[in-house]
Amino acid sequence: MSLKVIYKEEGNGFVGLSYEPFLQKTIMHLEFKRWSLTECRRYKKVWSIIKKTLKESGITEVHSLCDSERAVKFNKFWGFKDTGFIAQVEDGYRYILKLEL
C-alpha cells in the first residue's frame, strides 16, 4: 500500500489516500493527535478545503477502514457513512465506511 499524504501538520497528524486493490477503492487515512473544541473548529475549515480539492481533482468518493467503534464514530463525525460491510485483514476486521464528495 502506497500512502499519498494530502495534508500534514508537523507533530499533529495527517490526511492521506491509498488505493486498496482487493476492494478496488480509494481509502482515506485520518490521524489527528491534538483534539479540543478550538482544534475541531479549525479542522472543520481544513476539512472543507480538502473535500473541495479532492472533488476538483475528480475523486467522487473515498472509503475508510475502521478497526473499532471509536474509529467509526470519529469517521462519521467527518461525514463518512456506514456501508454495512466489514473487511477481513491480516490483523482482524475493519468496518468499511464511505464518504461521497
N, C-alpha and C. Protein backbone atom coordinates (compact mmCIF):
# COMPACT_ATOMS: atom_id res chain seq x y z
N MET A 1 0.84 -1.17 0.00
CA MET A 1 0.00 0.00 0.00
C MET A 1 0.89 1.24 0.00
N SER A 2 0.63 2.11 -0.93
CA SER A 2 1.36 3.35 -1.04
C SER A 2 0.48 4.49 -0.56
N LEU A 3 0.92 5.18 0.48
CA LEU A 3 0.14 6.26 1.08
C LEU A 3 0.58 7.60 0.51
N LYS A 4 -0.37 8.36 -0.02
CA LYS A 4 -0.10 9.70 -0.52
C LYS A 4 -0.67 10.68 0.49
N VAL A 5 0.20 11.41 1.18
CA VAL A 5 -0.24 12.39 2.17
C VAL A 5 -0.73 13.63 1.42
N ILE A 6 -1.97 14.03 1.69
CA ILE A 6 -2.53 15.20 1.02
C ILE A 6 -2.62 16.42 1.93
N TYR A 7 -2.47 16.20 3.24
CA TYR A 7 -2.44 17.30 4.21
C TYR A 7 -1.68 16.81 5.43
N LYS A 8 -0.78 17.65 5.95
CA LYS A 8 0.01 17.23 7.10
C LYS A 8 0.28 18.42 8.00
N GLU A 9 0.20 18.18 9.31
CA GLU A 9 0.59 19.15 10.32
C GLU A 9 1.71 18.52 11.13
N GLU A 10 2.85 19.12 11.08
CA GLU A 10 4.02 18.56 11.77
C GLU A 10 3.73 18.33 13.25
N GLY A 11 3.97 17.12 13.71
CA GLY A 11 3.78 16.77 15.11
C GLY A 11 2.33 16.57 15.52
N ASN A 12 1.39 16.68 14.59
CA ASN A 12 -0.02 16.55 14.96
C ASN A 12 -0.73 15.45 14.20
N GLY A 13 -0.60 15.40 12.92
CA GLY A 13 -1.34 14.38 12.18
C GLY A 13 -1.34 14.65 10.70
N PHE A 14 -2.17 13.87 10.00
CA PHE A 14 -2.20 13.97 8.55
C PHE A 14 -3.51 13.42 8.00
N VAL A 15 -3.74 13.72 6.73
CA VAL A 15 -4.80 13.10 5.95
C VAL A 15 -4.11 12.53 4.72
N GLY A 16 -4.34 11.27 4.44
CA GLY A 16 -3.70 10.63 3.30
C GLY A 16 -4.65 9.74 2.54
N LEU A 17 -4.24 9.37 1.34
CA LEU A 17 -5.02 8.48 0.49
C LEU A 17 -4.16 7.31 0.05
N SER A 18 -4.80 6.16 -0.07
CA SER A 18 -4.15 4.99 -0.64
C SER A 18 -5.19 4.25 -1.48
N TYR A 19 -4.73 3.34 -2.30
CA TYR A 19 -5.66 2.55 -3.11
C TYR A 19 -5.59 1.11 -2.63
N GLU A 20 -6.74 0.52 -2.34
CA GLU A 20 -6.83 -0.87 -1.90
C GLU A 20 -7.22 -1.71 -3.11
N PRO A 21 -6.26 -2.45 -3.68
CA PRO A 21 -6.55 -3.21 -4.90
C PRO A 21 -7.61 -4.30 -4.72
N PHE A 22 -7.64 -4.96 -3.57
CA PHE A 22 -8.62 -6.03 -3.38
C PHE A 22 -10.04 -5.45 -3.36
N LEU A 23 -10.23 -4.35 -2.64
CA LEU A 23 -11.54 -3.71 -2.57
C LEU A 23 -11.80 -2.82 -3.78
N GLN A 24 -10.75 -2.48 -4.50
CA GLN A 24 -10.81 -1.56 -5.64
C GLN A 24 -11.43 -0.23 -5.22
N LYS A 25 -10.93 0.29 -4.10
CA LYS A 25 -11.43 1.53 -3.53
C LYS A 25 -10.28 2.42 -3.09
N THR A 26 -10.52 3.74 -3.14
CA THR A 26 -9.59 4.71 -2.57
C THR A 26 -9.89 4.81 -1.08
N ILE A 27 -8.86 4.65 -0.26
CA ILE A 27 -9.00 4.66 1.20
C ILE A 27 -8.40 5.95 1.75
N MET A 28 -9.17 6.63 2.61
CA MET A 28 -8.67 7.83 3.27
C MET A 28 -8.18 7.45 4.67
N HIS A 29 -7.04 8.02 5.03
CA HIS A 29 -6.44 7.81 6.35
C HIS A 29 -6.45 9.15 7.09
N LEU A 30 -7.05 9.18 8.26
CA LEU A 30 -7.13 10.38 9.09
C LEU A 30 -6.44 10.14 10.41
N GLU A 31 -5.56 11.05 10.79
CA GLU A 31 -4.93 10.94 12.10
C GLU A 31 -4.66 12.34 12.64
N PHE A 32 -5.26 12.65 13.78
CA PHE A 32 -5.01 13.91 14.46
C PHE A 32 -4.68 13.59 15.92
N LYS A 33 -3.60 14.16 16.44
CA LYS A 33 -3.20 13.89 17.81
C LYS A 33 -3.79 14.90 18.78
N ARG A 34 -3.86 16.16 18.36
CA ARG A 34 -4.44 17.20 19.22
C ARG A 34 -5.94 17.25 18.97
N TRP A 35 -6.69 17.32 20.05
CA TRP A 35 -8.13 17.36 19.91
C TRP A 35 -8.72 18.24 21.00
N SER A 36 -9.39 19.29 20.60
CA SER A 36 -10.10 20.19 21.51
C SER A 36 -11.18 20.88 20.68
N LEU A 37 -12.02 21.64 21.32
CA LEU A 37 -13.08 22.34 20.61
C LEU A 37 -12.48 23.34 19.61
N THR A 38 -11.44 24.05 20.03
CA THR A 38 -10.78 25.01 19.15
C THR A 38 -10.16 24.30 17.95
N GLU A 39 -9.46 23.19 18.20
CA GLU A 39 -8.84 22.42 17.11
C GLU A 39 -9.92 21.86 16.18
N CYS A 40 -11.01 21.40 16.76
CA CYS A 40 -12.10 20.83 15.97
C CYS A 40 -12.66 21.86 15.00
N ARG A 41 -12.86 23.07 15.46
CA ARG A 41 -13.35 24.15 14.58
C ARG A 41 -12.37 24.40 13.44
N ARG A 42 -11.09 24.41 13.78
CA ARG A 42 -10.06 24.62 12.76
C ARG A 42 -10.03 23.47 11.78
N TYR A 43 -10.12 22.24 12.28
CA TYR A 43 -10.12 21.06 11.41
C TYR A 43 -11.30 21.09 10.44
N LYS A 44 -12.47 21.57 10.92
CA LYS A 44 -13.65 21.63 10.05
C LYS A 44 -13.39 22.53 8.83
N LYS A 45 -12.69 23.63 9.05
CA LYS A 45 -12.34 24.53 7.94
C LYS A 45 -11.37 23.85 6.98
N VAL A 46 -10.36 23.20 7.54
CA VAL A 46 -9.38 22.48 6.72
C VAL A 46 -10.07 21.36 5.96
N TRP A 47 -10.98 20.65 6.63
CA TRP A 47 -11.69 19.52 6.02
C TRP A 47 -12.48 19.95 4.80
N SER A 48 -13.14 21.12 4.87
CA SER A 48 -13.92 21.57 3.72
C SER A 48 -13.01 21.88 2.53
N ILE A 49 -11.81 22.38 2.79
CA ILE A 49 -10.83 22.64 1.71
C ILE A 49 -10.35 21.32 1.11
N ILE A 50 -10.07 20.34 1.96
CA ILE A 50 -9.62 19.03 1.49
C ILE A 50 -10.69 18.39 0.60
N LYS A 51 -11.93 18.40 1.04
CA LYS A 51 -13.01 17.80 0.25
C LYS A 51 -13.18 18.51 -1.08
N LYS A 52 -13.12 19.82 -1.08
CA LYS A 52 -13.25 20.58 -2.32
C LYS A 52 -12.12 20.26 -3.28
N THR A 53 -10.90 20.17 -2.76
CA THR A 53 -9.74 19.84 -3.59
C THR A 53 -9.86 18.45 -4.20
N LEU A 54 -10.31 17.49 -3.40
CA LEU A 54 -10.49 16.12 -3.92
C LEU A 54 -11.54 16.10 -5.01
N LYS A 55 -12.65 16.79 -4.77
CA LYS A 55 -13.74 16.84 -5.75
C LYS A 55 -13.25 17.46 -7.06
N GLU A 56 -12.48 18.54 -6.95
CA GLU A 56 -11.96 19.21 -8.14
C GLU A 56 -10.96 18.35 -8.91
N SER A 57 -10.32 17.42 -8.20
CA SER A 57 -9.36 16.52 -8.87
C SER A 57 -10.03 15.27 -9.44
N GLY A 58 -11.37 15.20 -9.34
CA GLY A 58 -12.11 14.10 -9.94
C GLY A 58 -12.42 12.94 -9.02
N ILE A 59 -12.06 13.05 -7.76
CA ILE A 59 -12.38 11.98 -6.79
C ILE A 59 -13.79 12.24 -6.26
N THR A 60 -14.68 11.28 -6.46
CA THR A 60 -16.08 11.46 -6.06
C THR A 60 -16.44 10.73 -4.78
N GLU A 61 -15.61 9.76 -4.38
CA GLU A 61 -15.87 9.05 -3.13
C GLU A 61 -14.57 8.48 -2.58
N VAL A 62 -14.51 8.39 -1.26
CA VAL A 62 -13.39 7.76 -0.58
C VAL A 62 -13.98 6.85 0.49
N HIS A 63 -13.20 5.88 0.90
CA HIS A 63 -13.63 4.93 1.93
C HIS A 63 -12.68 5.00 3.11
N SER A 64 -13.12 4.49 4.23
CA SER A 64 -12.30 4.42 5.42
C SER A 64 -12.46 3.02 6.02
N LEU A 65 -11.37 2.47 6.50
CA LEU A 65 -11.39 1.16 7.16
C LEU A 65 -11.14 1.39 8.64
N CYS A 66 -12.15 1.15 9.46
CA CYS A 66 -12.08 1.44 10.89
C CYS A 66 -11.96 0.15 11.70
N ASP A 67 -11.04 0.16 12.67
CA ASP A 67 -10.81 -1.05 13.45
C ASP A 67 -11.55 -1.08 14.78
N SER A 68 -12.34 -0.04 15.08
CA SER A 68 -13.08 -0.02 16.35
C SER A 68 -14.32 0.87 16.21
N GLU A 69 -15.21 0.73 17.16
CA GLU A 69 -16.41 1.57 17.17
C GLU A 69 -16.02 3.04 17.37
N ARG A 70 -14.97 3.27 18.13
CA ARG A 70 -14.49 4.64 18.36
C ARG A 70 -14.02 5.25 17.04
N ALA A 71 -13.29 4.48 16.24
CA ALA A 71 -12.83 4.96 14.94
C ALA A 71 -14.01 5.21 14.01
N VAL A 72 -15.01 4.35 14.08
CA VAL A 72 -16.22 4.54 13.27
C VAL A 72 -16.88 5.87 13.65
N LYS A 73 -17.02 6.12 14.93
CA LYS A 73 -17.64 7.36 15.42
C LYS A 73 -16.83 8.57 14.95
N PHE A 74 -15.51 8.50 15.05
CA PHE A 74 -14.63 9.58 14.61
C PHE A 74 -14.83 9.86 13.13
N ASN A 75 -14.87 8.82 12.30
CA ASN A 75 -15.04 9.00 10.86
C ASN A 75 -16.43 9.51 10.51
N LYS A 76 -17.44 9.08 11.24
CA LYS A 76 -18.80 9.58 11.00
C LYS A 76 -18.88 11.08 11.31
N PHE A 77 -18.09 11.54 12.26
CA PHE A 77 -18.04 12.97 12.58
C PHE A 77 -17.64 13.78 11.34
N TRP A 78 -16.79 13.20 10.48
CA TRP A 78 -16.31 13.88 9.27
C TRP A 78 -17.22 13.65 8.07
N GLY A 79 -18.32 12.93 8.27
CA GLY A 79 -19.30 12.76 7.20
C GLY A 79 -19.32 11.40 6.55
N PHE A 80 -18.47 10.48 7.00
CA PHE A 80 -18.48 9.13 6.45
C PHE A 80 -19.75 8.42 6.89
N LYS A 81 -20.24 7.54 6.05
CA LYS A 81 -21.45 6.75 6.34
C LYS A 81 -21.09 5.27 6.37
N ASP A 82 -21.76 4.53 7.24
CA ASP A 82 -21.53 3.09 7.34
C ASP A 82 -22.07 2.40 6.09
N THR A 83 -21.27 1.50 5.51
CA THR A 83 -21.72 0.76 4.32
C THR A 83 -22.39 -0.55 4.69
N GLY A 84 -22.22 -0.99 5.93
CA GLY A 84 -22.75 -2.28 6.34
C GLY A 84 -21.81 -3.43 6.02
N PHE A 85 -20.64 -3.12 5.46
CA PHE A 85 -19.67 -4.15 5.11
C PHE A 85 -18.49 -4.14 6.07
N ILE A 86 -17.91 -5.31 6.25
CA ILE A 86 -16.72 -5.49 7.09
C ILE A 86 -15.68 -6.23 6.26
N ALA A 87 -14.42 -5.77 6.34
CA ALA A 87 -13.33 -6.42 5.60
C ALA A 87 -12.45 -7.18 6.58
N GLN A 88 -12.04 -8.38 6.19
CA GLN A 88 -11.09 -9.14 7.00
C GLN A 88 -9.70 -8.80 6.50
N VAL A 89 -8.84 -8.38 7.43
CA VAL A 89 -7.46 -8.04 7.10
C VAL A 89 -6.53 -8.92 7.93
N GLU A 90 -5.23 -8.77 7.71
CA GLU A 90 -4.24 -9.64 8.37
C GLU A 90 -4.39 -9.66 9.89
N ASP A 91 -4.69 -8.51 10.49
CA ASP A 91 -4.73 -8.45 11.95
C ASP A 91 -6.14 -8.30 12.53
N GLY A 92 -7.15 -8.69 11.77
CA GLY A 92 -8.51 -8.63 12.30
C GLY A 92 -9.52 -8.20 11.26
N TYR A 93 -10.48 -7.40 11.72
CA TYR A 93 -11.56 -6.94 10.85
C TYR A 93 -11.60 -5.42 10.84
N ARG A 94 -12.14 -4.86 9.76
CA ARG A 94 -12.30 -3.41 9.63
C ARG A 94 -13.72 -3.11 9.13
N TYR A 95 -14.34 -2.15 9.76
CA TYR A 95 -15.63 -1.65 9.28
C TYR A 95 -15.35 -0.76 8.07
N ILE A 96 -16.12 -0.89 7.02
CA ILE A 96 -15.92 -0.08 5.82
C ILE A 96 -16.93 1.06 5.80
N LEU A 97 -16.42 2.27 5.79
CA LEU A 97 -17.25 3.46 5.72
C LEU A 97 -17.00 4.18 4.40
N LYS A 98 -17.94 5.01 3.98
CA LYS A 98 -17.83 5.67 2.68
C LYS A 98 -18.20 7.15 2.81
N LEU A 99 -17.47 7.98 2.09
CA LEU A 99 -17.76 9.41 2.02
C LEU A 99 -17.91 9.80 0.57
N GLU A 100 -19.09 10.30 0.22
CA GLU A 100 -19.33 10.80 -1.14
C GLU A 100 -19.05 12.28 -1.15
N LEU A 101 -18.23 12.71 -2.09
CA LEU A 101 -17.81 14.11 -2.14
C LEU A 101 -18.69 14.95 -3.03
